Amino acid sequence: MGLGLEVKAMEEVTLYGLIGQMMALPGRRAELIAILAEGTTEMPGCLSYVIAEDREDEDALWITEIWDSEEHHAASLQLPAVQDAIARGRPLMAGFGQRFETTPVAGVSFD
């Protein structure tokens, strides 16, 4: 990713967005983040996949995704690397928090 910022209007296509909170077992958040990051390097149709630490809950993290279609998001869950990350990460997960589906319409790109 580059460092230049560019505001983009996304009017031509209907994108799919997902924002979800994941809870790690106490003290295991960094391990879970590392596993999730490994499994997300090559996902067709993924325009953005951000894993962020919650600033108030040391065991929570947020995943923000933007996809070129809801279908590509669904298909990504079947990719071997994603399946492996899920299998390896599941023992470190305490559960899930909030989950929001969105339709991205404008934003900032780091490319």
PDB file of N, CA and C in Angstrom:
ATOM      1  N   MET A   1       0.827  -1.185   0.000  1.00  0.00           N
ATOM      2  CA  MET A   1       0.000   0.000   0.000  1.00  0.00           C
ATOM      3  C   MET A   1       0.869   1.245   0.000  1.00  0.00           C
ATOM      4  N   GLY A   2       0.478   2.214  -0.799  1.00  0.00           N
ATOM      5  CA  GLY A   2       1.178   3.479  -0.819  1.00  0.00           C
ATOM      6  C   GLY A   2       0.704   4.368   0.316  1.00  0.00           C
ATOM      7  N   LEU A   3       1.274   5.537   0.398  1.00  0.00           N
ATOM      8  CA  LEU A   3       0.911   6.462   1.456  1.00  0.00           C
ATOM      9  C   LEU A   3       0.070   7.620   0.960  1.00  0.00           C
ATOM     10  N   GLY A   4      -0.093   7.791  -0.344  1.00  0.00           N
ATOM     11  CA  GLY A   4      -0.910   8.880  -0.868  1.00  0.00           C
ATOM     12  C   GLY A   4      -2.382   8.604  -0.606  1.00  0.00           C
ATOM     13  N   LEU A   5      -3.111   9.619  -0.200  1.00  0.00           N
ATOM     14  CA  LEU A   5      -4.538   9.473   0.063  1.00  0.00           C
ATOM     15  C   LEU A   5      -5.331  10.042  -1.095  1.00  0.00           C
ATOM     16  N   GLU A   6      -6.389   9.365  -1.461  1.00  0.00           N
ATOM     17  CA  GLU A   6      -7.216   9.836  -2.558  1.00  0.00           C
ATOM     18  C   GLU A   6      -8.670   9.528  -2.217  1.00  0.00           C
ATOM     19  N   VAL A   7      -9.533  10.517  -2.308  1.00  0.00           N
ATOM     20  CA  VAL A   7     -10.957  10.315  -2.072  1.00  0.00           C
ATOM     21  C   VAL A   7     -11.559   9.794  -3.365  1.00  0.00           C
ATOM     22  N   LYS A   8     -12.329   8.720  -3.256  1.00  0.00           N
ATOM     23  CA  LYS A   8     -12.924   8.111  -4.439  1.00  0.00           C
ATOM     24  C   LYS A   8     -14.432   7.984  -4.250  1.00  0.00           C
ATOM     25  N   ALA A   9     -15.191   8.347  -5.254  1.00  0.00           N
ATOM     26  CA  ALA A   9     -16.626   8.090  -5.271  1.00  0.00           C
ATOM     27  C   ALA A   9     -16.821   6.722  -5.899  1.00  0.00           C
ATOM     28  N   MET A  10     -17.674   5.907  -5.304  1.00  0.00           N
ATOM     29  CA  MET A  10     -17.862   4.534  -5.766  1.00  0.00           C
ATOM     30  C   MET A  10     -19.276   4.359  -6.313  1.00  0.00           C
ATOM     31  N   GLU A  11     -19.641   5.219  -7.260  1.00  0.00           N
ATOM     32  CA  GLU A  11     -21.002   5.239  -7.769  1.00  0.00           C
ATOM     33  C   GLU A  11     -21.265   4.196  -8.846  1.00  0.00           C
ATOM     34  N   GLU A  12     -20.244   3.738  -9.553  1.00  0.00           N
ATOM     35  CA  GLU A  12     -20.435   2.873 -10.699  1.00  0.00           C
ATOM     36  C   GLU A  12     -20.840   1.440 -10.324  1.00  0.00           C
ATOM     37  N   VAL A  13     -20.423   0.975  -9.161  1.00  0.00           N
ATOM     38  CA  VAL A  13     -20.698  -0.399  -8.761  1.00  0.00           C
ATOM     39  C   VAL A  13     -21.317  -0.420  -7.366  1.00  0.00           C
ATOM     40  N   THR A  14     -22.014  -1.486  -7.076  1.00  0.00           N
ATOM     41  CA  THR A  14     -22.549  -1.668  -5.731  1.00  0.00           C
ATOM     42  C   THR A  14     -21.571  -2.552  -4.976  1.00  0.00           C
ATOM     43  N   LEU A  15     -20.898  -1.959  -4.037  1.00  0.00           N
ATOM     44  CA  LEU A  15     -19.913  -2.681  -3.239  1.00  0.00           C
ATOM     45  C   LEU A  15     -20.576  -3.303  -2.021  1.00  0.00           C
ATOM     46  N   TYR A  16     -19.875  -4.223  -1.400  1.00  0.00           N
ATOM     47  CA  TYR A  16     -20.358  -4.880  -0.183  1.00  0.00           C
ATOM     48  C   TYR A  16     -19.368  -4.607   0.933  1.00  0.00           C
ATOM     49  N   GLY A  17     -19.866  -4.134   2.048  1.00  0.00           N
ATOM     50  CA  GLY A  17     -19.015  -3.856   3.193  1.00  0.00           C
ATOM     51  C   GLY A  17     -19.452  -4.647   4.408  1.00  0.00           C
ATOM     52  N   LEU A  18     -18.494  -4.947   5.242  1.00  0.00           N
ATOM     53  CA  LEU A  18     -18.765  -5.698   6.462  1.00  0.00           C
ATOM     54  C   LEU A  18     -17.850  -5.169   7.557  1.00  0.00           C
ATOM     55  N   ILE A  19     -18.439  -4.869   8.705  1.00  0.00           N
ATOM     56  CA  ILE A  19     -17.679  -4.433   9.876  1.00  0.00           C
ATOM     57  C   ILE A  19     -18.086  -5.358  11.010  1.00  0.00           C
ATOM     58  N   GLY A  20     -17.116  -6.059  11.588  1.00  0.00           N
ATOM     59  CA  GLY A  20     -17.445  -7.015  12.640  1.00  0.00           C
ATOM     60  C   GLY A  20     -16.464  -6.970  13.788  1.00  0.00           C
ATOM     61  N   GLN A  21     -16.988  -7.225  14.958  1.00  0.00           N
ATOM     62  CA  GLN A  21     -16.159  -7.281  16.158  1.00  0.00           C
ATOM     63  C   GLN A  21     -15.925  -8.742  16.521  1.00  0.00           C
ATOM     64  N   MET A  22     -14.686  -9.063  16.824  1.00  0.00           N
ATOM     65  CA  MET A  22     -14.312 -10.410  17.226  1.00  0.00           C
ATOM     66  C   MET A  22     -13.650 -10.318  18.597  1.00  0.00           C
ATOM     67  N   MET A  23     -13.952 -11.263  19.449  1.00  0.00           N
ATOM     68  CA  MET A  23     -13.385 -11.288  20.788  1.00  0.00           C
ATOM     69  C   MET A  23     -12.391 -12.441  20.894  1.00  0.00           C
ATOM     70  N   ALA A  24     -11.178 -12.122  21.318  1.00  0.00           N
ATOM     71  CA  ALA A  24     -10.154 -13.146  21.542  1.00  0.00           C
ATOM     72  C   ALA A  24     -10.233 -13.619  22.992  1.00  0.00           C
ATOM     73  N   LEU A  25      -9.717 -14.789  23.220  1.00  0.00           N
ATOM     74  CA  LEU A  25      -9.574 -15.236  24.606  1.00  0.00           C
ATOM     75  C   LEU A  25      -8.646 -14.254  25.324  1.00  0.00           C
ATOM     76  N   PRO A  26      -8.805 -14.090  26.623  1.00  0.00           N
ATOM     77  CA  PRO A  26      -7.974 -13.123  27.351  1.00  0.00           C
ATOM     78  C   PRO A  26      -6.477 -13.308  27.067  1.00  0.00           C
ATOM     79  N   GLY A  27      -5.852 -12.199  26.668  1.00  0.00           N
ATOM     80  CA  GLY A  27      -4.415 -12.196  26.417  1.00  0.00           C
ATOM     81  C   GLY A  27      -3.974 -12.821  25.107  1.00  0.00           C
ATOM     82  N   ARG A  28      -4.896 -13.222  24.241  1.00  0.00           N
ATOM     83  CA  ARG A  28      -4.535 -13.936  23.009  1.00  0.00           C
ATOM     84  C   ARG A  28      -4.808 -13.129  21.735  1.00  0.00           C
ATOM     85  N   ARG A  29      -5.166 -11.849  21.889  1.00  0.00           N
ATOM     86  CA  ARG A  29      -5.552 -11.035  20.731  1.00  0.00           C
ATOM     87  C   ARG A  29      -4.438 -10.935  19.684  1.00  0.00           C
ATOM     88  N   ALA A  30      -3.210 -10.684  20.096  1.00  0.00           N
ATOM     89  CA  ALA A  30      -2.110 -10.533  19.141  1.00  0.00           C
ATOM     90  C   ALA A  30      -1.914 -11.810  18.319  1.00  0.00           C
ATOM     91  N   GLU A  31      -2.030 -12.961  18.949  1.00  0.00           N
ATOM     92  CA  GLU A  31      -1.897 -14.232  18.233  1.00  0.00           C
ATOM     93  C   GLU A  31      -3.007 -14.385  17.198  1.00  0.00           C
ATOM     94  N   LEU A  32      -4.223 -14.027  17.589  1.00  0.00           N
ATOM     95  CA  LEU A  32      -5.359 -14.139  16.684  1.00  0.00           C
ATOM     96  C   LEU A  32      -5.197 -13.193  15.499  1.00  0.00           C
ATOM     97  N   ILE A  33      -4.763 -11.980  15.757  1.00  0.00           N
ATOM     98  CA  ILE A  33      -4.538 -11.020  14.674  1.00  0.00           C
ATOM     99  C   ILE A  33      -3.509 -11.556  13.682  1.00  0.00           C
ATOM    100  N   ALA A  34      -2.424 -12.122  14.177  1.00  0.00           N
ATOM    101  CA  ALA A  34      -1.374 -12.656  13.295  1.00  0.00           C
ATOM    102  C   ALA A  34      -1.928 -13.754  12.392  1.00  0.00           C
ATOM    103  N   ILE A  35      -2.739 -14.627  12.935  1.00  0.00           N
ATOM    104  CA  ILE A  35      -3.318 -15.718  12.144  1.00  0.00           C
ATOM    105  C   ILE A  35      -4.279 -15.165  11.096  1.00  0.00           C
ATOM    106  N   LEU A  36      -5.141 -14.244  11.502  1.00  0.00           N
ATOM    107  CA  LEU A  36      -6.091 -13.664  10.552  1.00  0.00           C
ATOM    108  C   LEU A  36      -5.366 -12.920   9.435  1.00  0.00           C
ATOM    109  N   ALA A  37      -4.315 -12.205   9.764  1.00  0.00           N
ATOM    110  CA  ALA A  37      -3.566 -11.453   8.755  1.00  0.00           C
ATOM    111  C   ALA A  37      -2.916 -12.380   7.729  1.00  0.00           C
ATOM    112  N   GLU A  38      -2.426 -13.520   8.163  1.00  0.00           N
ATOM    113  CA  GLU A  38      -1.810 -14.484   7.241  1.00  0.00           C
ATOM    114  C   GLU A  38      -2.811 -15.019   6.237  1.00  0.00           C
ATOM    115  N   GLY A  39      -4.052 -15.204   6.668  1.00  0.00           N
ATOM    116  CA  GLY A  39      -5.054 -15.831   5.814  1.00  0.00           C
ATOM    117  C   GLY A  39      -5.757 -14.895   4.860  1.00  0.00           C
ATOM    118  N   THR A  40      -5.352 -13.629   4.832  1.00  0.00           N
ATOM    119  CA  THR A  40      -6.096 -12.660   4.032  1.00  0.00           C
ATOM    120  C   THR A  40      -5.258 -11.988   2.954  1.00  0.00           C
ATOM    121  N   THR A  41      -4.196 -12.615   2.533  1.00  0.00           N
ATOM    122  CA  THR A  41      -3.309 -11.951   1.580  1.00  0.00           C
ATOM    123  C   THR A  41      -3.818 -11.993   0.149  1.00  0.00           C
ATOM    124  N   GLU A  42      -4.509 -13.047  -0.245  1.00  0.00           N
ATOM    125  CA  GLU A  42      -4.978 -13.162  -1.627  1.00  0.00           C
ATOM    126  C   GLU A  42      -6.433 -13.595  -1.648  1.00  0.00           C
ATOM    127  N   MET A  43      -7.325 -12.594  -1.700  1.00  0.00           N
ATOM    128  CA  MET A  43      -8.753 -12.871  -1.735  1.00  0.00           C
ATOM    129  C   MET A  43      -9.350 -12.112  -2.917  1.00  0.00           C
ATOM    130  N   PRO A  44      -9.678 -12.816  -4.004  1.00  0.00           N
ATOM    131  CA  PRO A  44     -10.241 -12.152  -5.181  1.00  0.00           C
ATOM    132  C   PRO A  44     -11.486 -11.339  -4.830  1.00  0.00           C
ATOM    133  N   GLY A  45     -11.517 -10.110  -5.326  1.00  0.00           N
ATOM    134  CA  GLY A  45     -12.662  -9.241  -5.095  1.00  0.00           C
ATOM    135  C   GLY A  45     -12.570  -8.413  -3.831  1.00  0.00           C
ATOM    136  N   CYS A  46     -11.559  -8.653  -3.009  1.00  0.00           N
ATOM    137  CA  CYS A  46     -11.401  -7.892  -1.767  1.00  0.00           C
ATOM    138  C   CYS A  46     -10.667  -6.590  -2.072  1.00  0.00           C
ATOM    139  N   LEU A  47     -11.318  -5.485  -1.799  1.00  0.00           N
ATOM    140  CA  LEU A  47     -10.728  -4.174  -2.040  1.00  0.00           C
ATOM    141  C   LEU A  47     -10.038  -3.629  -0.793  1.00  0.00           C
ATOM    142  N   SER A  48     -10.502  -4.056   0.365  1.00  0.00           N
ATOM    143  CA  SER A  48      -9.901  -3.606   1.621  1.00  0.00           C
ATOM    144  C   SER A  48     -10.246  -4.596   2.723  1.00  0.00           C
ATOM    145  N   TYR A  49      -9.262  -4.932   3.539  1.00  0.00           N
ATOM    146  CA  TYR A  49      -9.460  -5.828   4.672  1.00  0.00           C
ATOM    147  C   TYR A  49      -8.577  -5.296   5.788  1.00  0.00           C
ATOM    148  N   VAL A  50      -9.196  -4.714   6.796  1.00  0.00           N
ATOM    149  CA  VAL A  50      -8.459  -4.062   7.872  1.00  0.00           C
ATOM    150  C   VAL A  50      -8.780  -4.748   9.194  1.00  0.00           C
ATOM    151  N   ILE A  51      -7.741  -5.152   9.900  1.00  0.00           N
ATOM    152  CA  ILE A  51      -7.872  -5.720  11.242  1.00  0.00           C
ATOM    153  C   ILE A  51      -7.372  -4.652  12.198  1.00  0.00           C
ATOM    154  N   ALA A  52      -8.199  -4.275  13.163  1.00  0.00           N
ATOM    155  CA  ALA A  52      -7.836  -3.199  14.088  1.00  0.00           C
ATOM    156  C   ALA A  52      -8.083  -3.628  15.528  1.00  0.00           C
ATOM    157  N   GLU A  53      -7.203  -3.178  16.407  1.00  0.00           N
ATOM    158  CA  GLU A  53      -7.378  -3.433  17.838  1.00  0.00           C
ATOM    159  C   GLU A  53      -8.374  -2.443  18.411  1.00  0.00           C
ATOM    160  N   ASP A  54      -9.281  -2.942  19.246  1.00  0.00           N
ATOM    161  CA  ASP A  54     -10.205  -2.084  19.979  1.00  0.00           C
ATOM    162  C   ASP A  54      -9.406  -1.343  21.046  1.00  0.00           C
ATOM    163  N   ARG A  55      -9.576  -0.054  21.161  1.00  0.00           N
ATOM    164  CA  ARG A  55      -8.798   0.741  22.110  1.00  0.00           C
ATOM    165  C   ARG A  55      -9.287   0.608  23.550  1.00  0.00           C
ATOM    166  N   GLU A  56     -10.519   0.157  23.753  1.00  0.00           N
ATOM    167  CA  GLU A  56     -11.071   0.083  25.101  1.00  0.00           C
ATOM    168  C   GLU A  56     -11.124  -1.332  25.666  1.00  0.00           C
ATOM    169  N   ASP A  57     -11.097  -2.320  24.798  1.00  0.00           N
ATOM    170  CA  ASP A  57     -11.184  -3.714  25.239  1.00  0.00           C
ATOM    171  C   ASP A  57      -9.953  -4.447  24.709  1.00  0.00           C
ATOM    172  N   GLU A  58      -9.063  -4.832  25.594  1.00  0.00           N
ATOM    173  CA  GLU A  58      -7.793  -5.427  25.172  1.00  0.00           C
ATOM    174  C   GLU A  58      -7.930  -6.799  24.527  1.00  0.00           C
ATOM    175  N   ASP A  59      -9.113  -7.368  24.554  1.00  0.00           N
ATOM    176  CA  ASP A  59      -9.317  -8.670  23.914  1.00  0.00           C
ATOM    177  C   ASP A  59     -10.155  -8.583  22.644  1.00  0.00           C
ATOM    178  N   ALA A  60     -10.623  -7.384  22.302  1.00  0.00           N
ATOM    179  CA  ALA A  60     -11.496  -7.212  21.139  1.00  0.00           C
ATOM    180  C   ALA A  60     -10.717  -6.683  19.951  1.00  0.00           C
ATOM    181  N   LEU A  61     -11.190  -7.061  18.769  1.00  0.00           N
ATOM    182  CA  LEU A  61     -10.663  -6.503  17.544  1.00  0.00           C
ATOM    183  C   LEU A  61     -11.817  -6.283  16.577  1.00  0.00           C
ATOM    184  N   TRP A  62     -11.581  -5.418  15.626  1.00  0.00           N
ATOM    185  CA  TRP A  62     -12.575  -5.079  14.606  1.00  0.00           C
ATOM    186  C   TRP A  62     -12.009  -5.427  13.240  1.00  0.00           C
ATOM    187  N   ILE A  63     -12.851  -6.005  12.407  1.00  0.00           N
ATOM    188  CA  ILE A  63     -12.471  -6.317  11.037  1.00  0.00           C
ATOM    189  C   ILE A  63     -13.396  -5.525  10.120  1.00  0.00           C
ATOM    190  N   THR A  64     -12.792  -4.717   9.250  1.00  0.00           N
ATOM    191  CA  THR A  64     -13.551  -3.898   8.306  1.00  0.00           C
ATOM    192  C   THR A  64     -13.173  -4.352   6.902  1.00  0.00           C
ATOM    193  N   GLU A  65     -14.182  -4.752   6.136  1.00  0.00           N
ATOM    194  CA  GLU A  65     -13.946  -5.309   4.805  1.00  0.00           C
ATOM    195  C   GLU A  65     -14.728  -4.544   3.754  1.00  0.00           C
ATOM    196  N   ILE A  66     -14.140  -4.389   2.576  1.00  0.00           N
ATOM    197  CA  ILE A  66     -14.854  -3.869   1.414  1.00  0.00           C
ATOM    198  C   ILE A  66     -14.588  -4.831   0.263  1.00  0.00           C
ATOM    199  N   TRP A  67     -15.672  -5.267  -0.366  1.00  0.00           N
ATOM    200  CA  TRP A  67     -15.617  -6.248  -1.454  1.00  0.00           C
ATOM    201  C   TRP A  67     -16.286  -5.677  -2.695  1.00  0.00           C
ATOM    202  N   ASP A  68     -15.866  -6.153  -3.855  1.00  0.00           N
ATOM    203  CA  ASP A  68     -16.518  -5.700  -5.078  1.00  0.00           C
ATOM    204  C   ASP A  68     -17.897  -6.323  -5.252  1.00  0.00           C
ATOM    205  N   SER A  69     -18.205  -7.361  -4.460  1.00  0.00           N
ATOM    206  CA  SER A  69     -19.546  -7.955  -4.475  1.00  0.00           C
ATOM    207  C   SER A  69     -19.724  -8.822  -3.233  1.00  0.00           C
ATOM    208  N   GLU A  70     -20.957  -9.011  -2.867  1.00  0.00           N
ATOM    209  CA  GLU A  70     -21.267  -9.902  -1.740  1.00  0.00           C
ATOM    210  C   GLU A  70     -20.891 -11.340  -2.082  1.00  0.00           C
ATOM    211  N   GLU A  71     -20.999 -11.687  -3.357  1.00  0.00           N
ATOM    212  CA  GLU A  71     -20.658 -13.035  -3.801  1.00  0.00           C
ATOM    213  C   GLU A  71     -19.170 -13.330  -3.600  1.00  0.00           C
ATOM    214  N   HIS A  72     -18.302 -12.351  -3.903  1.00  0.00           N
ATOM    215  CA  HIS A  72     -16.873 -12.571  -3.679  1.00  0.00           C
ATOM    216  C   HIS A  72     -16.571 -12.742  -2.195  1.00  0.00           C
ATOM    217  N   HIS A  73     -17.276 -12.002  -1.352  1.00  0.00           N
ATOM    218  CA  HIS A  73     -17.079 -12.183   0.093  1.00  0.00           C
ATOM    219  C   HIS A  73     -17.435 -13.611   0.488  1.00  0.00           C
ATOM    220  N   ALA A  74     -18.609 -14.080   0.056  1.00  0.00           N
ATOM    221  CA  ALA A  74     -19.048 -15.432   0.394  1.00  0.00           C
ATOM    222  C   ALA A  74     -18.063 -16.476  -0.130  1.00  0.00           C
ATOM    223  N   ALA A  75     -17.579 -16.280  -1.355  1.00  0.00           N
ATOM    224  CA  ALA A  75     -16.635 -17.229  -1.948  1.00  0.00           C
ATOM    225  C   ALA A  75     -15.311 -17.250  -1.191  1.00  0.00           C
ATOM    226  N   SER A  76     -14.916 -16.123  -0.626  1.00  0.00           N
ATOM    227  CA  SER A  76     -13.637 -16.060   0.090  1.00  0.00           C
ATOM    228  C   SER A  76     -13.606 -17.002   1.283  1.00  0.00           C
ATOM    229  N   LEU A  77     -14.757 -17.260   1.855  1.00  0.00           N
ATOM    230  CA  LEU A  77     -14.810 -18.136   3.035  1.00  0.00           C
ATOM    231  C   LEU A  77     -14.473 -19.587   2.701  1.00  0.00           C
ATOM    232  N   GLN A  78     -14.436 -19.904   1.404  1.00  0.00           N
ATOM    233  CA  GLN A  78     -14.095 -21.263   0.967  1.00  0.00           C
ATOM    234  C   GLN A  78     -12.642 -21.397   0.516  1.00  0.00           C
ATOM    235  N   LEU A  79     -11.913 -20.275   0.458  1.00  0.00           N
ATOM    236  CA  LEU A  79     -10.513 -20.331   0.032  1.00  0.00           C
ATOM    237  C   LEU A  79      -9.679 -21.121   1.043  1.00  0.00           C
ATOM    238  N   PRO A  80      -8.742 -21.954   0.579  1.00  0.00           N
ATOM    239  CA  PRO A  80      -7.925 -22.749   1.500  1.00  0.00           C
ATOM    240  C   PRO A  80      -7.205 -21.907   2.565  1.00  0.00           C
ATOM    241  N   ALA A  81      -6.641 -20.771   2.189  1.00  0.00           N
ATOM    242  CA  ALA A  81      -5.927 -19.942   3.170  1.00  0.00           C
ATOM    243  C   ALA A  81      -6.872 -19.389   4.225  1.00  0.00           C
ATOM    244  N   VAL A  82      -8.085 -19.023   3.817  1.00  0.00           N
ATOM    245  CA  VAL A  82      -9.071 -18.504   4.767  1.00  0.00           C
ATOM    246  C   VAL A  82      -9.567 -19.634   5.660  1.00  0.00           C
ATOM    247  N   GLN A  83      -9.835 -20.785   5.079  1.00  0.00           N
ATOM    248  CA  GLN A  83     -10.266 -21.945   5.875  1.00  0.00           C
ATOM    249  C   GLN A  83      -9.198 -22.316   6.916  1.00  0.00           C
ATOM    250  N   ASP A  84      -7.932 -22.266   6.509  1.00  0.00           N
ATOM    251  CA  ASP A  84      -6.832 -22.570   7.424  1.00  0.00           C
ATOM    252  C   ASP A  84      -6.768 -21.544   8.556  1.00  0.00           C
ATOM    253  N   ALA A  85      -6.919 -20.263   8.217  1.00  0.00           N
ATOM    254  CA  ALA A  85      -6.888 -19.211   9.241  1.00  0.00           C
ATOM    255  C   ALA A  85      -8.042 -19.380  10.222  1.00  0.00           C
ATOM    256  N   ILE A  86      -9.216 -19.723   9.714  1.00  0.00           N
ATOM    257  CA  ILE A  86     -10.369 -19.943  10.590  1.00  0.00           C
ATOM    258  C   ILE A  86     -10.096 -21.115  11.534  1.00  0.00           C
ATOM    259  N   ALA A  87      -9.596 -22.213  10.993  1.00  0.00           N
ATOM    260  CA  ALA A  87      -9.316 -23.399  11.815  1.00  0.00           C
ATOM    261  C   ALA A  87      -8.257 -23.118  12.880  1.00  0.00           C
ATOM    262  N   ARG A  88      -7.201 -22.396  12.503  1.00  0.00           N
ATOM    263  CA  ARG A  88      -6.135 -22.085  13.457  1.00  0.00           C
ATOM    264  C   ARG A  88      -6.553 -21.012  14.460  1.00  0.00           C
ATOM    265  N   GLY A  89      -7.401 -20.080  14.022  1.00  0.00           N
ATOM    266  CA  GLY A  89      -7.813 -18.995  14.895  1.00  0.00           C
ATOM    267  C   GLY A  89      -8.948 -19.339  15.840  1.00  0.00           C
ATOM    268  N   ARG A  90      -9.791 -20.275  15.459  1.00  0.00           N
ATOM    269  CA  ARG A  90     -10.976 -20.611  16.265  1.00  0.00           C
ATOM    270  C   ARG A  90     -10.640 -20.909  17.730  1.00  0.00           C
ATOM    271  N   PRO A  91      -9.571 -21.656  18.048  1.00  0.00           N
ATOM    272  CA  PRO A  91      -9.277 -21.918  19.460  1.00  0.00           C
ATOM    273  C   PRO A  91      -8.887 -20.665  20.256  1.00  0.00           C
ATOM    274  N   LEU A  92      -8.581 -19.567  19.558  1.00  0.00           N
ATOM    275  CA  LEU A  92      -8.205 -18.323  20.226  1.00  0.00           C
ATOM    276  C   LEU A  92      -9.381 -17.356  20.349  1.00  0.00           C
ATOM    277  N   MET A  93     -10.528 -17.722  19.775  1.00  0.00           N
ATOM    278  CA  MET A  93     -11.701 -16.843  19.764  1.00  0.00           C
ATOM    279  C   MET A  93     -12.607 -17.106  20.952  1.00  0.00           C
ATOM    280  N   ALA A  94     -13.050 -16.013  21.576  1.00  0.00           N
ATOM    281  CA  ALA A  94     -14.023 -16.110  22.659  1.00  0.00           C
ATOM    282  C   ALA A  94     -15.437 -15.880  22.141  1.00  0.00           C
ATOM    283  N   GLY A  95     -15.546 -15.317  20.946  1.00  0.00           N
ATOM    284  CA  GLY A  95     -16.866 -15.069  20.371  1.00  0.00           C
ATOM    285  C   GLY A  95     -16.858 -13.844  19.477  1.00  0.00           C
ATOM    286  N   PHE A  96     -18.066 -13.410  19.136  1.00  0.00           N
ATOM    287  CA  PHE A  96     -18.233 -12.275  18.242  1.00  0.00           C
ATOM    288  C   PHE A  96     -19.111 -11.237  18.916  1.00  0.00           C
ATOM    289  N   GLY A  97     -18.855  -9.984  18.578  1.00  0.00           N
ATOM    290  CA  GLY A  97     -19.656  -8.874  19.074  1.00  0.00           C
ATOM    291  C   GLY A  97     -20.567  -8.379  17.973  1.00  0.00           C
ATOM    292  N   GLN A  98     -20.566  -7.088  17.786  1.00  0.00           N
ATOM    293  CA  GLN A  98     -21.433  -6.468  16.795  1.00  0.00           C
ATOM    294  C   GLN A  98     -20.990  -6.796  15.373  1.00  0.00           C
ATOM    295  N   ARG A  99     -21.964  -6.762  14.463  1.00  0.00           N
ATOM    296  CA  ARG A  99     -21.693  -7.044  13.045  1.00  0.00           C
ATOM    297  C   ARG A  99     -22.605  -6.157  12.217  1.00  0.00           C
ATOM    298  N   PHE A 100     -22.026  -5.463  11.247  1.00  0.00           N
ATOM    299  CA  PHE A 100     -22.781  -4.554  10.403  1.00  0.00           C
ATOM    300  C   PHE A 100     -22.450  -4.818   8.940  1.00  0.00           C
ATOM    301  N   GLU A 101     -23.486  -4.962   8.110  1.00  0.00           N
ATOM    302  CA  GLU A 101     -23.310  -5.038   6.670  1.00  0.00           C
ATOM    303  C   GLU A 101     -23.570  -3.644   6.114  1.00  0.00           C
ATOM    304  N   THR A 102     -22.727  -3.210   5.166  1.00  0.00           N
ATOM    305  CA  THR A 102     -22.840  -1.863   4.619  1.00  0.00           C
ATOM    306  C   THR A 102     -22.742  -1.880   3.100  1.00  0.00           C
ATOM    307  N   THR A 103     -23.096  -0.751   2.494  1.00  0.00           N
ATOM    308  CA  THR A 103     -22.872  -0.527   1.064  1.00  0.00           C
ATOM    309  C   THR A 103     -21.946   0.670   0.949  1.00  0.00           C
ATOM    310  N   PRO A 104     -20.638   0.442   0.790  1.00  0.00           N
ATOM    311  CA  PRO A 104     -19.705   1.558   0.661  1.00  0.00           C
ATOM    312  C   PRO A 104     -20.040   2.422  -0.541  1.00  0.00           C
ATOM    313  N   VAL A 105     -20.012   3.750  -0.362  1.00  0.00           N
ATOM    314  CA  VAL A 105     -20.351   4.665  -1.445  1.00  0.00           C
ATOM    315  C   VAL A 105     -19.266   5.708  -1.721  1.00  0.00           C
ATOM    316  N   ALA A 106     -18.356   5.919  -0.777  1.00  0.00           N
ATOM    317  CA  ALA A 106     -17.250   6.854  -0.978  1.00  0.00           C
ATOM    318  C   ALA A 106     -16.201   6.546   0.065  1.00  0.00           C
ATOM    319  N   GLY A 107     -14.971   6.968  -0.187  1.00  0.00           N
ATOM    320  CA  GLY A 107     -13.955   6.684   0.817  1.00  0.00           C
ATOM    321  C   GLY A 107     -12.587   7.204   0.453  1.00  0.00           C
ATOM    322  N   VAL A 108     -11.641   6.818   1.254  1.00  0.00           N
ATOM    323  CA  VAL A 108     -10.262   7.217   1.089  1.00  0.00           C
ATOM    324  C   VAL A 108      -9.458   5.965   0.770  1.00  0.00           C
ATOM    325  N   SER A 109      -8.610   6.062  -0.241  1.00  0.00           N
ATOM    326  CA  SER A 109      -7.764   4.952  -0.623  1.00  0.00           C
ATOM    327  C   SER A 109      -6.321   5.266  -0.229  1.00  0.00           C
ATOM    328  N   PHE A 110      -5.599   4.253   0.185  1.00  0.00           N
ATOM    329  CA  PHE A 110      -4.198   4.407   0.557  1.00  0.00           C
ATOM    330  C   PHE A 110      -3.272   4.009  -0.574  1.00  0.00           C
ATOM    331  N   ASP A 111      -3.809   3.692  -1.748  1.00  0.00           N
ATOM    332  CA  ASP A 111      -2.998   3.275  -2.895  1.00  0.00           C
ATOM    333  C   ASP A 111      -2.298   4.452  -3.526  1.00  0.00           C
TER     334      ASP A 111
END
